[in-house]
Amino acid sequence: MRYNFRTQGVCSRTISFDVDNGIVSKVAFEGGCNGNLKGIAALAEGKSAQEIIDVLTGIRCGFKSTSCPDQFAKALKAALEENA
């Protein structure tokens, strides 16, 4: 299933991704640090949503209370809760 998540407090504006049977694919960030976010998307491909949540939750960007990876974890958590 395809999800679109509107981020808050970070440079990227949205995160789009698929989650099928708990596995993440087709991750795309709109805005933000292009190279870094392409790297995160590539590393997330084929991994379980829960594994990604466990690794990325709580990462901060500078003095911000969140980051693009943390927002991705929040998006995945919301997607899993929606499917529960």
N, C-alpha and C. Protein backbone atom coordinates (compact mmCIF):
# COMPACT_ATOMS: atom_id res chain seq x y z
N MET A 1 0.84 -1.17 0.00
CA MET A 1 0.00 0.00 0.00
C MET A 1 0.89 1.24 0.00
N ARG A 2 0.52 2.23 -0.75
CA ARG A 2 1.29 3.48 -0.88
C ARG A 2 0.85 4.46 0.21
N TYR A 3 1.85 5.12 0.81
CA TYR A 3 1.60 6.11 1.86
C TYR A 3 2.30 7.41 1.49
N ASN A 4 1.68 8.52 1.85
CA ASN A 4 2.27 9.85 1.69
C ASN A 4 2.18 10.54 3.04
N PHE A 5 3.33 10.95 3.56
CA PHE A 5 3.40 11.53 4.89
C PHE A 5 3.93 12.95 4.78
N ARG A 6 3.21 13.90 5.35
CA ARG A 6 3.63 15.30 5.37
C ARG A 6 4.50 15.50 6.61
N THR A 7 5.75 15.87 6.39
CA THR A 7 6.70 16.03 7.49
C THR A 7 6.46 17.34 8.25
N GLN A 8 7.04 17.40 9.45
CA GLN A 8 6.94 18.61 10.27
C GLN A 8 8.30 18.91 10.88
N GLY A 9 8.74 20.16 10.77
CA GLY A 9 9.95 20.61 11.44
C GLY A 9 11.26 20.22 10.77
N VAL A 10 11.19 19.79 9.50
CA VAL A 10 12.41 19.41 8.77
C VAL A 10 12.39 20.02 7.37
N CYS A 11 13.50 19.87 6.66
CA CYS A 11 13.61 20.46 5.32
C CYS A 11 12.78 19.73 4.27
N SER A 12 12.69 18.40 4.38
CA SER A 12 11.86 17.68 3.41
C SER A 12 10.39 18.00 3.68
N ARG A 13 9.59 17.96 2.62
CA ARG A 13 8.18 18.31 2.75
C ARG A 13 7.28 17.09 2.89
N THR A 14 7.58 16.06 2.12
CA THR A 14 6.78 14.84 2.18
C THR A 14 7.68 13.61 2.02
N ILE A 15 7.17 12.49 2.50
CA ILE A 15 7.82 11.20 2.31
C ILE A 15 6.76 10.25 1.75
N SER A 16 7.07 9.62 0.64
CA SER A 16 6.18 8.64 0.02
C SER A 16 6.87 7.29 0.07
N PHE A 17 6.09 6.24 0.34
CA PHE A 17 6.67 4.91 0.43
C PHE A 17 5.56 3.87 0.35
N ASP A 18 5.97 2.63 0.06
CA ASP A 18 5.07 1.49 0.08
C ASP A 18 5.42 0.61 1.26
N VAL A 19 4.40 0.01 1.87
CA VAL A 19 4.60 -1.02 2.88
C VAL A 19 3.67 -2.17 2.52
N ASP A 20 4.26 -3.32 2.24
CA ASP A 20 3.50 -4.52 1.92
C ASP A 20 4.01 -5.65 2.79
N ASN A 21 3.11 -6.23 3.59
CA ASN A 21 3.48 -7.29 4.52
C ASN A 21 4.62 -6.86 5.45
N GLY A 22 4.61 -5.60 5.84
CA GLY A 22 5.61 -5.07 6.77
C GLY A 22 6.94 -4.72 6.14
N ILE A 23 7.07 -4.87 4.82
CA ILE A 23 8.33 -4.59 4.12
C ILE A 23 8.21 -3.27 3.36
N VAL A 24 9.24 -2.44 3.48
CA VAL A 24 9.26 -1.09 2.91
C VAL A 24 9.89 -1.10 1.52
N SER A 25 9.30 -0.33 0.61
CA SER A 25 9.87 -0.17 -0.73
C SER A 25 9.46 1.18 -1.32
N LYS A 26 10.12 1.55 -2.39
CA LYS A 26 9.80 2.75 -3.19
C LYS A 26 9.75 4.02 -2.33
N VAL A 27 10.75 4.23 -1.50
CA VAL A 27 10.81 5.39 -0.62
C VAL A 27 11.28 6.60 -1.42
N ALA A 28 10.58 7.73 -1.27
CA ALA A 28 10.96 8.97 -1.95
C ALA A 28 10.68 10.15 -1.02
N PHE A 29 11.69 10.98 -0.85
CA PHE A 29 11.55 12.21 -0.07
C PHE A 29 11.41 13.37 -1.04
N GLU A 30 10.52 14.31 -0.74
CA GLU A 30 10.40 15.53 -1.53
C GLU A 30 11.04 16.66 -0.73
N GLY A 31 12.05 17.29 -1.31
CA GLY A 31 12.79 18.34 -0.62
C GLY A 31 13.85 17.74 0.29
N GLY A 32 14.56 18.59 1.00
CA GLY A 32 15.58 18.11 1.92
C GLY A 32 16.92 17.92 1.25
N CYS A 33 17.84 17.27 1.94
CA CYS A 33 19.20 17.02 1.46
C CYS A 33 19.19 15.84 0.51
N ASN A 34 19.19 16.13 -0.77
CA ASN A 34 18.95 15.14 -1.81
C ASN A 34 19.80 13.88 -1.67
N GLY A 35 21.10 14.01 -1.59
CA GLY A 35 21.97 12.84 -1.53
C GLY A 35 21.76 12.01 -0.28
N ASN A 36 21.67 12.67 0.86
CA ASN A 36 21.46 11.95 2.12
C ASN A 36 20.13 11.20 2.12
N LEU A 37 19.10 11.84 1.62
CA LEU A 37 17.78 11.21 1.64
C LEU A 37 17.67 10.09 0.61
N LYS A 38 18.38 10.20 -0.50
CA LYS A 38 18.43 9.09 -1.45
C LYS A 38 19.13 7.90 -0.80
N GLY A 39 20.16 8.18 0.01
CA GLY A 39 20.86 7.12 0.73
C GLY A 39 19.96 6.42 1.73
N ILE A 40 19.20 7.20 2.50
CA ILE A 40 18.26 6.61 3.46
C ILE A 40 17.24 5.76 2.74
N ALA A 41 16.72 6.27 1.62
CA ALA A 41 15.72 5.53 0.85
C ALA A 41 16.31 4.21 0.34
N ALA A 42 17.54 4.24 -0.14
CA ALA A 42 18.17 3.02 -0.65
C ALA A 42 18.41 2.02 0.47
N LEU A 43 18.84 2.50 1.63
CA LEU A 43 19.09 1.60 2.76
C LEU A 43 17.80 0.99 3.30
N ALA A 44 16.69 1.69 3.16
CA ALA A 44 15.41 1.20 3.68
C ALA A 44 14.77 0.16 2.75
N GLU A 45 15.14 0.16 1.49
CA GLU A 45 14.53 -0.73 0.49
C GLU A 45 14.64 -2.19 0.91
N GLY A 46 13.48 -2.84 1.01
CA GLY A 46 13.43 -4.27 1.32
C GLY A 46 13.55 -4.62 2.79
N LYS A 47 13.67 -3.61 3.65
CA LYS A 47 13.78 -3.86 5.09
C LYS A 47 12.39 -3.84 5.74
N SER A 48 12.30 -4.42 6.92
CA SER A 48 11.02 -4.38 7.62
C SER A 48 10.81 -2.99 8.18
N ALA A 49 9.55 -2.57 8.19
CA ALA A 49 9.21 -1.25 8.72
C ALA A 49 9.64 -1.13 10.17
N GLN A 50 9.44 -2.18 10.95
CA GLN A 50 9.79 -2.13 12.37
C GLN A 50 11.29 -1.97 12.57
N GLU A 51 12.10 -2.63 11.75
CA GLU A 51 13.55 -2.50 11.84
C GLU A 51 13.97 -1.05 11.58
N ILE A 52 13.37 -0.43 10.57
CA ILE A 52 13.70 0.95 10.23
C ILE A 52 13.27 1.88 11.36
N ILE A 53 12.08 1.66 11.90
CA ILE A 53 11.59 2.46 13.02
C ILE A 53 12.56 2.38 14.19
N ASP A 54 13.00 1.17 14.52
CA ASP A 54 13.91 0.97 15.65
C ASP A 54 15.23 1.71 15.46
N VAL A 55 15.72 1.78 14.24
CA VAL A 55 17.02 2.42 13.98
C VAL A 55 16.91 3.94 13.88
N LEU A 56 15.84 4.45 13.26
CA LEU A 56 15.77 5.88 12.95
C LEU A 56 15.07 6.74 14.00
N THR A 57 14.27 6.15 14.86
CA THR A 57 13.53 6.93 15.85
C THR A 57 14.49 7.69 16.77
N GLY A 58 14.21 8.97 16.92
CA GLY A 58 14.97 9.80 17.86
C GLY A 58 16.18 10.50 17.29
N ILE A 59 16.51 10.25 16.02
CA ILE A 59 17.64 10.96 15.40
C ILE A 59 17.27 12.43 15.27
N ARG A 60 18.20 13.29 15.64
CA ARG A 60 17.96 14.73 15.58
C ARG A 60 18.84 15.37 14.52
N CYS A 61 18.41 16.50 14.00
CA CYS A 61 19.17 17.27 13.02
C CYS A 61 19.56 18.59 13.68
N GLY A 62 20.84 18.72 14.01
CA GLY A 62 21.30 19.94 14.67
C GLY A 62 20.56 20.17 15.97
N PHE A 63 20.01 21.36 16.11
CA PHE A 63 19.29 21.72 17.33
C PHE A 63 17.79 21.41 17.24
N LYS A 64 17.35 20.86 16.12
CA LYS A 64 15.94 20.51 15.96
C LYS A 64 15.62 19.29 16.82
N SER A 65 14.38 19.14 17.20
CA SER A 65 13.97 17.99 18.01
C SER A 65 13.66 16.77 17.16
N THR A 66 13.80 16.90 15.85
CA THR A 66 13.51 15.80 14.92
C THR A 66 14.49 15.88 13.75
N SER A 67 14.30 15.01 12.78
CA SER A 67 15.12 15.00 11.57
C SER A 67 14.32 14.29 10.48
N CYS A 68 14.82 14.31 9.26
CA CYS A 68 14.14 13.58 8.19
C CYS A 68 14.08 12.08 8.50
N PRO A 69 15.18 11.46 8.99
CA PRO A 69 15.06 10.04 9.36
C PRO A 69 14.04 9.80 10.47
N ASP A 70 14.00 10.67 11.47
CA ASP A 70 13.02 10.53 12.55
C ASP A 70 11.60 10.68 12.01
N GLN A 71 11.41 11.61 11.08
CA GLN A 71 10.09 11.79 10.47
C GLN A 71 9.70 10.56 9.66
N PHE A 72 10.67 9.92 9.00
CA PHE A 72 10.40 8.69 8.27
C PHE A 72 9.96 7.60 9.24
N ALA A 73 10.62 7.50 10.39
CA ALA A 73 10.21 6.52 11.41
C ALA A 73 8.78 6.80 11.87
N LYS A 74 8.43 8.05 12.07
CA LYS A 74 7.07 8.41 12.49
C LYS A 74 6.06 8.04 11.40
N ALA A 75 6.43 8.27 10.15
CA ALA A 75 5.55 7.93 9.03
C ALA A 75 5.31 6.42 8.98
N LEU A 76 6.38 5.65 9.15
CA LEU A 76 6.25 4.19 9.14
C LEU A 76 5.40 3.70 10.29
N LYS A 77 5.60 4.31 11.47
CA LYS A 77 4.82 3.92 12.65
C LYS A 77 3.33 4.19 12.39
N ALA A 78 3.02 5.34 11.80
CA ALA A 78 1.62 5.67 11.50
C ALA A 78 1.05 4.69 10.48
N ALA A 79 1.85 4.30 9.48
CA ALA A 79 1.38 3.34 8.47
C ALA A 79 1.09 1.98 9.12
N LEU A 80 1.96 1.54 10.01
CA LEU A 80 1.73 0.24 10.69
C LEU A 80 0.49 0.29 11.56
N GLU A 81 0.30 1.42 12.26
CA GLU A 81 -0.89 1.56 13.12
C GLU A 81 -2.16 1.58 12.28
N GLU A 82 -2.09 2.21 11.11
CA GLU A 82 -3.26 2.28 10.21
C GLU A 82 -3.65 0.89 9.73
N ASN A 83 -2.68 0.02 9.55
CA ASN A 83 -2.94 -1.33 9.05
C ASN A 83 -3.24 -2.34 10.15
N ALA A 84 -3.06 -1.94 11.40
CA ALA A 84 -3.27 -2.89 12.53
C ALA A 84 -4.73 -3.22 12.72
